[in-house]
Amino acid sequence: MKAAVLSEFGKFSWQDVPIPIIKDNEVLVKVGYAGICGSDMHVFHGDFKQRTPVPFIPGHEFAGVISEIGQKVKSHQVGDHVAVDPIIWCGQCAACQIGHYPACSSLKLIGIDMDGGFGEYVAVPEINLYKLPKDLSPRNAALIEIYSIGFHACNRVGLKQDDTAVIWGSGRVGQSILQAARTITQNQIFCVDVLDSRLEIAKQTYSDVTTINLKEQDPISIIKDVTNGRGVDVAFEAVGHAVSVPDRPNPVRGCVQTIRGAGTVCVLGLGDEPSPILMKELIWKEAKIVTSRVSHGEFKEAIQHLQEGHLKPEALISVEFPGSEIQNAFELLEKEPEKYLKVLLRIS
């Protein structure tokens, strides 16, 4: 089979490799499309080199069709269209024992800790599969993983009908949260970013969204003004790094300042820098900060809403490349990351 092999950090090659041999509890998935994630850029640069020794086949956002099943596979058959949840949990740690798999202390991912979906075929445990309607676009199916992250964040804060929200960060994750949130509430949503291009995508997707450029406007005063001083019910931080804009709070503190009394902040950004907050601002509101890491079964929600037309996948997809041009795709993202949301690879 053909696969995009990360032969050394910073260099992909499209080459022939053996088709994986599946175990009894696994299936062989013929990959249709795969998405490039921010984590894949870290893999590309060698930031996860302890987990991703090269040569290696990345890719954890993908979907395809089952071409072979193991002897112990019971719920799937050859020809099934499937999305793949890449999360592999241990089942033994304290979090796993209470069923909270995203918090597994030794969490692994297909496509990061083992070969993934940037190849024509990949071996996947049956437990990681979600059946897809056969008429669902294979291209759109590759977005189910990132949509599941958006739905998980909404579930972590318990987003309700008629809740108001602000999303700090309008990149891939922020846009997926926005689309997931719009399946739950039709009330006011604010999007905050420093890039007009990303705010414009949010505005084109939902014309009733209020967009705020952090460099030009004060989101705290705007949100308080629009909500008559109340603040929003929930705030999502999906920036991932400290944003230094004069006279503006960092994204996490900004979230705290924009929520109502007893509101909730959900932090998703995996930045390496500290995000200072003033605890009394949180305490005065007796508010909550929760975190959201990956997903926890929200593939079902994402698939249902995608099939029913409640999501807008074309708003997320910036450009598509054949798998053989993966090096060009990564170099493009590296050179102009602000111009692109989701870059898809057409594997087969």
Protein backbone atom coordinates (compact mmCIF):
# COMPACT_ATOMS: atom_id res chain seq x y z
CA MET A 1 0.00 0.00 0.00
CA LYS A 2 0.96 3.66 -0.30
CA ALA A 3 1.45 5.73 2.84
CA ALA A 4 2.77 9.11 3.90
CA VAL A 5 5.73 8.10 6.05
CA LEU A 6 7.39 10.66 8.28
CA SER A 7 10.86 9.38 7.43
CA GLU A 8 12.55 12.06 9.53
CA PHE A 9 11.18 15.00 11.43
CA GLY A 10 10.17 17.65 8.94
CA LYS A 11 10.14 15.27 5.96
CA PHE A 12 7.35 13.09 4.58
CA SER A 13 7.71 10.59 1.74
CA TRP A 14 4.86 8.89 -0.15
CA GLN A 15 6.06 5.31 -0.38
CA ASP A 16 5.15 1.63 -0.51
CA VAL A 17 4.81 -0.04 2.88
CA PRO A 18 3.31 -3.38 3.95
CA ILE A 19 -0.43 -3.54 4.57
CA PRO A 20 -0.99 -3.90 8.36
CA ILE A 21 -1.76 -7.36 9.71
CA ILE A 22 -4.84 -7.11 11.92
CA LYS A 23 -5.41 -8.80 15.29
CA ASP A 24 -8.52 -10.82 16.11
CA ASN A 25 -10.28 -7.80 17.64
CA GLU A 26 -9.30 -5.38 14.86
CA VAL A 27 -10.48 -4.41 11.41
CA LEU A 28 -8.56 -3.13 8.43
CA VAL A 29 -9.86 0.27 7.35
CA LYS A 30 -9.27 1.56 3.83
CA VAL A 31 -8.86 5.27 4.45
CA GLY A 32 -10.76 7.75 2.29
CA TYR A 33 -9.82 11.15 3.67
CA ALA A 34 -7.69 12.29 6.60
CA GLY A 35 -7.38 15.69 8.23
CA ILE A 36 -4.26 17.50 9.35
CA CYS A 37 -4.51 18.60 12.98
CA GLY A 38 -2.46 21.01 15.06
CA SER A 39 -1.07 17.98 16.88
CA ASP A 40 0.15 16.63 13.53
CA MET A 41 2.22 19.79 13.10
CA HIS A 42 3.86 19.04 16.46
CA VAL A 43 4.54 15.49 15.29
CA PHE A 44 6.01 16.87 12.05
CA HIS A 45 8.42 19.10 13.98
CA GLY A 46 9.48 16.35 16.39
CA ASP A 47 7.84 17.92 19.45
CA PHE A 48 6.39 14.51 20.40
CA LYS A 49 9.51 12.54 19.51
CA GLN A 50 9.30 10.42 22.67
CA ARG A 51 5.92 9.15 21.45
CA THR A 52 6.52 9.25 17.70
CA PRO A 53 9.89 7.72 16.77
CA VAL A 54 10.46 7.88 13.03
CA PRO A 55 9.82 6.32 10.56
CA PHE A 56 6.17 6.61 11.39
CA ILE A 57 2.73 7.07 9.73
CA PRO A 58 0.74 9.82 11.52
CA GLY A 59 -2.92 10.74 11.11
CA HIS A 60 -5.62 10.57 13.79
CA GLU A 61 -8.51 12.32 11.99
CA PHE A 62 -9.78 9.92 9.34
CA ALA A 63 -12.63 7.78 8.09
CA GLY A 64 -12.98 5.02 5.55
CA VAL A 65 -14.43 1.61 4.66
CA ILE A 66 -13.74 -1.74 6.33
CA SER A 67 -11.91 -4.11 3.97
CA GLU A 68 -11.12 -6.96 6.41
CA ILE A 69 -12.28 -8.04 9.88
CA GLY A 70 -10.63 -10.04 12.64
CA GLN A 71 -12.01 -13.35 13.89
CA LYS A 72 -13.46 -11.84 17.10
CA VAL A 73 -15.10 -8.82 15.46
CA LYS A 74 -18.87 -9.09 15.94
CA SER A 75 -20.53 -5.74 15.28
CA HIS A 76 -18.93 -4.74 11.98
CA GLN A 77 -18.49 -6.28 8.57
CA VAL A 78 -16.58 -5.75 5.37
CA GLY A 79 -18.00 -2.80 3.46
CA ASP A 80 -19.11 -0.81 6.51
CA HIS A 81 -18.33 2.89 6.29
CA VAL A 82 -16.74 3.97 9.57
CA ALA A 83 -15.28 6.91 11.45
CA VAL A 84 -12.40 6.12 13.77
CA ASP A 85 -12.12 7.43 17.32
CA PRO A 86 -8.32 7.48 17.79
CA ILE A 87 -8.36 7.31 21.60
CA ILE A 88 -6.80 4.23 23.20
CA TRP A 89 -7.30 4.15 26.98
CA CYS A 90 -5.71 1.77 29.47
CA GLY A 91 -8.84 0.69 31.36
CA GLN A 92 -6.85 0.34 34.60
CA CYS A 93 -6.06 3.83 35.96
CA ALA A 94 -8.29 5.73 38.40
CA ALA A 95 -9.97 7.76 35.63
CA CYS A 96 -10.66 4.69 33.49
CA GLN A 97 -12.13 2.81 36.44
CA ILE A 98 -14.83 5.46 36.77
CA GLY A 99 -15.34 5.51 32.99
CA HIS A 100 -13.74 8.91 32.36
CA TYR A 101 -11.53 7.77 29.49
CA PRO A 102 -10.36 11.21 28.23
CA ALA A 103 -8.48 11.57 31.52
CA CYS A 104 -6.67 8.23 31.20
CA SER A 105 -3.21 8.60 32.73
CA SER A 106 -1.59 6.70 29.85
CA LEU A 107 -3.89 7.80 27.02
CA LYS A 108 -2.65 6.91 23.56
CA LEU A 109 -3.87 7.90 20.12
CA ILE A 110 -3.92 6.09 16.80
CA GLY A 111 -1.79 8.23 14.54
CA ILE A 112 0.42 9.54 17.34
CA ASP A 113 1.44 6.58 19.49
CA MET A 114 0.96 4.07 16.67
CA ASP A 115 0.62 4.22 12.89
CA GLY A 116 -2.43 6.11 11.73
CA GLY A 117 -4.58 7.27 8.86
CA PHE A 118 -2.08 8.88 6.50
CA GLY A 119 -1.82 5.53 4.74
CA GLU A 120 -4.20 3.64 2.47
CA TYR A 121 -4.91 1.05 5.16
CA VAL A 122 -4.78 1.13 8.95
CA ALA A 123 -5.51 -1.49 11.64
CA VAL A 124 -8.15 -0.30 14.13
CA PRO A 125 -9.64 -2.01 17.23
CA GLU A 126 -13.35 -2.65 16.78
CA ILE A 127 -14.13 -0.66 19.93
CA ASN A 128 -12.85 2.50 18.20
CA LEU A 129 -15.27 2.33 15.27
CA TYR A 130 -18.47 4.27 14.61
CA LYS A 131 -20.66 3.21 11.70
CA LEU A 132 -21.50 5.86 9.15
CA PRO A 133 -24.45 6.19 6.79
CA LYS A 134 -23.20 5.08 3.38
CA ASP A 135 -24.46 8.26 1.77
CA LEU A 136 -22.41 10.49 4.07
CA SER A 137 -19.65 12.24 2.13
CA PRO A 138 -16.27 10.55 2.77
CA ARG A 139 -14.73 14.02 2.66
CA ASN A 140 -16.97 15.32 5.42
CA ALA A 141 -16.55 12.13 7.44
CA ALA A 142 -12.91 13.06 8.04
CA LEU A 143 -14.16 16.00 10.14
CA ILE A 144 -16.07 13.86 12.64
CA GLU A 145 -13.13 13.67 15.05
CA ILE A 146 -12.71 17.44 15.32
CA TYR A 147 -16.47 17.92 15.55
CA SER A 148 -16.49 15.43 18.44
CA ILE A 149 -14.06 17.73 20.27
CA GLY A 150 -16.50 20.60 19.85
CA PHE A 151 -19.43 18.56 21.13
CA HIS A 152 -17.37 17.26 24.06
CA ALA A 153 -16.51 20.82 25.12
CA CYS A 154 -20.22 21.73 25.00
CA ASN A 155 -21.04 18.68 27.10
CA ARG A 156 -18.31 19.49 29.62
CA VAL A 157 -19.97 22.84 30.38
CA GLY A 158 -23.47 21.41 30.12
CA LEU A 159 -24.43 23.89 27.40
CA LYS A 160 -28.20 24.28 27.35
CA GLN A 161 -30.85 25.62 25.02
CA ASP A 162 -30.91 29.44 25.22
CA ASP A 163 -27.46 29.67 26.87
CA THR A 164 -25.21 32.50 25.73
CA ALA A 165 -21.53 31.84 25.05
CA VAL A 166 -18.21 33.33 24.03
CA ILE A 167 -15.51 31.40 22.20
CA TRP A 168 -11.98 32.77 22.49
CA GLY A 169 -10.09 31.50 19.45
CA SER A 170 -11.62 30.98 16.00
CA GLY A 171 -9.24 28.37 14.64
CA ARG A 172 -10.11 24.74 13.91
CA VAL A 173 -11.20 23.90 17.45
CA GLY A 174 -12.99 27.20 18.05
CA GLN A 175 -14.97 26.82 14.82
CA SER A 176 -15.92 23.24 15.70
CA ILE A 177 -17.16 24.42 19.12
CA LEU A 178 -19.16 27.16 17.40
CA GLN A 179 -20.87 24.71 15.06
CA ALA A 180 -21.55 22.22 17.86
CA ALA A 181 -22.93 24.97 20.09
CA ARG A 182 -25.29 26.13 17.34
CA THR A 183 -26.97 22.71 17.36
CA ILE A 184 -27.83 23.33 21.04
CA THR A 185 -28.53 27.04 21.48
CA GLN A 186 -29.74 29.76 19.14
CA ASN A 187 -28.95 32.48 21.66
CA GLN A 188 -26.11 35.01 21.46
CA ILE A 189 -22.63 33.68 20.69
CA PHE A 190 -19.50 35.84 20.57
CA CYS A 191 -16.27 34.86 18.81
CA VAL A 192 -12.97 36.50 19.82
CA ASP A 193 -9.74 36.32 17.80
CA VAL A 194 -6.89 38.48 16.52
CA LEU A 195 -7.31 37.42 12.88
CA ASP A 196 -10.06 39.00 10.83
CA SER A 197 -9.90 36.12 8.35
CA ARG A 198 -10.96 33.60 10.98
CA LEU A 199 -13.61 35.86 12.43
CA GLU A 200 -14.99 36.29 8.93
CA ILE A 201 -15.37 32.53 8.58
CA ALA A 202 -17.42 32.47 11.79
CA LYS A 203 -19.54 35.36 10.55
CA GLN A 204 -20.11 33.78 7.15
CA THR A 205 -21.08 30.50 8.83
CA TYR A 206 -23.58 32.15 11.19
CA SER A 207 -24.56 35.72 10.40
CA ASP A 208 -25.95 36.29 13.92
CA VAL A 209 -22.60 35.64 15.63
CA THR A 210 -20.92 38.72 17.11
CA THR A 211 -17.23 38.77 16.15
CA ILE A 212 -14.63 40.73 18.12
CA ASN A 213 -11.05 41.40 17.04
CA LEU A 214 -9.06 41.50 20.28
CA LYS A 215 -6.53 43.92 18.78
CA GLU A 216 -9.19 46.46 17.88
CA GLN A 217 -11.96 46.03 20.44
CA ASP A 218 -12.37 45.24 24.12
CA PRO A 219 -14.36 42.00 24.30
CA ILE A 220 -15.14 42.44 28.00
CA SER A 221 -16.93 45.76 27.54
CA ILE A 222 -18.69 44.64 24.34
CA ILE A 223 -20.03 41.44 25.90
CA LYS A 224 -21.12 43.22 29.05
CA ASP A 225 -22.84 45.88 26.96
CA VAL A 226 -24.69 43.43 24.70
CA THR A 227 -25.79 41.28 27.66
CA ASN A 228 -26.86 44.32 29.74
CA GLY A 229 -24.06 43.75 32.25
CA ARG A 230 -24.95 40.12 32.87
CA GLY A 231 -22.19 38.31 31.01
CA VAL A 232 -22.45 35.01 29.14
CA ASP A 233 -23.43 31.66 30.60
CA VAL A 234 -20.34 29.83 29.33
CA ALA A 235 -16.95 30.77 27.90
CA PHE A 236 -14.63 28.53 25.89
CA GLU A 237 -10.87 29.10 25.65
CA ALA A 238 -9.61 27.55 22.42
CA VAL A 239 -6.55 29.69 21.74
CA GLY A 240 -3.83 27.37 22.99
CA HIS A 241 -1.20 29.99 23.79
CA ALA A 242 -0.88 33.26 25.65
CA VAL A 243 -1.99 36.18 23.50
CA SER A 244 -0.18 39.38 24.37
CA VAL A 245 -2.30 42.36 23.34
CA PRO A 246 -1.83 45.65 25.23
CA ASP A 247 -4.62 46.40 27.72
CA ARG A 248 -6.27 43.03 27.08
CA PRO A 249 -6.43 40.01 29.41
CA ASN A 250 -5.01 36.64 28.44
CA PRO A 251 -7.71 34.34 27.00
CA VAL A 252 -8.38 32.33 30.18
CA ARG A 253 -8.72 35.43 32.34
CA GLY A 254 -10.80 37.03 29.61
CA CYS A 255 -13.16 34.07 29.81
CA VAL A 256 -13.47 34.51 33.57
CA GLN A 257 -14.23 38.20 33.15
CA THR A 258 -16.95 37.63 30.55
CA ILE A 259 -19.06 34.99 32.32
CA ARG A 260 -22.03 35.74 34.53
CA GLY A 261 -22.22 34.90 38.21
CA ALA A 262 -22.12 31.09 38.61
CA GLY A 263 -21.05 30.74 34.98
CA THR A 264 -18.61 28.20 33.58
CA VAL A 265 -15.29 28.48 31.74
CA CYS A 266 -14.06 25.57 29.60
CA VAL A 267 -10.34 25.55 28.78
CA LEU A 268 -9.18 23.51 25.77
CA GLY A 269 -6.00 25.32 24.70
CA LEU A 270 -2.87 23.21 25.12
CA GLY A 271 -0.41 26.06 25.49
CA ASP A 272 2.93 25.71 27.22
CA GLU A 273 2.84 29.18 28.77
CA PRO A 274 1.19 30.02 32.11
CA SER A 275 -2.21 31.70 31.89
CA PRO A 276 -2.42 33.98 34.93
CA ILE A 277 -5.87 34.64 36.36
CA LEU A 278 -6.99 36.62 39.38
CA MET A 279 -8.69 34.02 41.53
CA LYS A 280 -10.92 36.50 43.31
CA GLU A 281 -12.58 37.29 39.95
CA LEU A 282 -13.58 33.63 39.79
CA ILE A 283 -14.43 33.37 43.49
CA TRP A 284 -16.64 36.48 43.51
CA LYS A 285 -18.74 34.84 40.81
CA GLU A 286 -18.56 31.42 42.48
CA ALA A 287 -17.93 30.26 38.94
CA LYS A 288 -16.31 27.08 37.62
CA ILE A 289 -13.36 26.31 35.39
CA VAL A 290 -13.47 22.92 33.67
CA THR A 291 -11.18 21.49 31.03
CA SER A 292 -11.82 19.49 27.88
CA ARG A 293 -9.18 17.26 26.34
CA VAL A 294 -10.42 15.06 23.53
CA SER A 295 -13.87 13.46 23.29
CA HIS A 296 -15.93 10.90 25.16
CA GLY A 297 -18.30 9.19 22.77
CA GLU A 298 -19.42 12.40 21.05
CA PHE A 299 -18.73 10.79 17.66
CA LYS A 300 -22.39 9.71 17.72
CA GLU A 301 -23.57 13.31 18.13
CA ALA A 302 -21.22 14.55 15.42
CA ILE A 303 -22.34 11.85 12.96
CA GLN A 304 -26.03 12.48 13.60
CA HIS A 305 -25.78 16.25 13.18
CA LEU A 306 -23.56 15.93 10.12
CA GLN A 307 -25.98 13.52 8.50
CA GLU A 308 -28.97 15.73 9.29
CA GLY A 309 -27.29 18.81 7.81
CA HIS A 310 -26.99 20.72 11.07
CA LEU A 311 -23.24 21.26 10.64
CA LYS A 312 -21.37 23.24 8.00
CA PRO A 313 -18.28 21.22 7.02
CA GLU A 314 -17.36 23.42 4.06
CA ALA A 315 -16.73 26.27 6.49
CA LEU A 316 -13.97 24.19 8.11
CA ILE A 317 -12.33 22.81 4.96
CA SER A 318 -9.76 25.23 3.54
CA VAL A 319 -8.00 23.09 0.95
CA GLU A 320 -7.55 19.48 -0.16
CA PHE A 321 -4.39 17.67 -1.31
CA PRO A 322 -3.79 14.16 -2.61
CA GLY A 323 -1.88 12.08 -0.10
CA SER A 324 1.18 12.07 -2.35
CA GLU A 325 1.50 15.85 -1.83
CA ILE A 326 1.55 15.67 1.96
CA GLN A 327 4.93 17.40 2.23
CA ASN A 328 3.56 20.39 0.33
CA ALA A 329 0.50 20.46 2.58
CA PHE A 330 2.55 20.55 5.77
CA GLU A 331 4.94 23.16 4.41
CA LEU A 332 2.00 25.32 3.40
CA LEU A 333 0.53 25.10 6.90
CA GLU A 334 3.91 25.84 8.41
CA LYS A 335 4.44 28.89 6.21
CA GLU A 336 0.97 30.46 6.44
CA PRO A 337 -0.91 28.86 9.37
CA GLU A 338 -3.25 31.82 9.75
CA LYS A 339 -4.71 31.27 6.27
CA TYR A 340 -6.00 27.75 6.76
CA LEU A 341 -8.38 25.89 9.02
CA LYS A 342 -8.75 22.23 8.07
CA VAL A 343 -6.48 20.82 5.38
CA LEU A 344 -7.65 17.44 4.08
CA LEU A 345 -5.61 14.68 2.49
CA ARG A 346 -7.28 12.48 -0.10
CA ILE A 347 -5.72 9.11 0.71
CA SER A 348 -7.65 6.78 -1.61
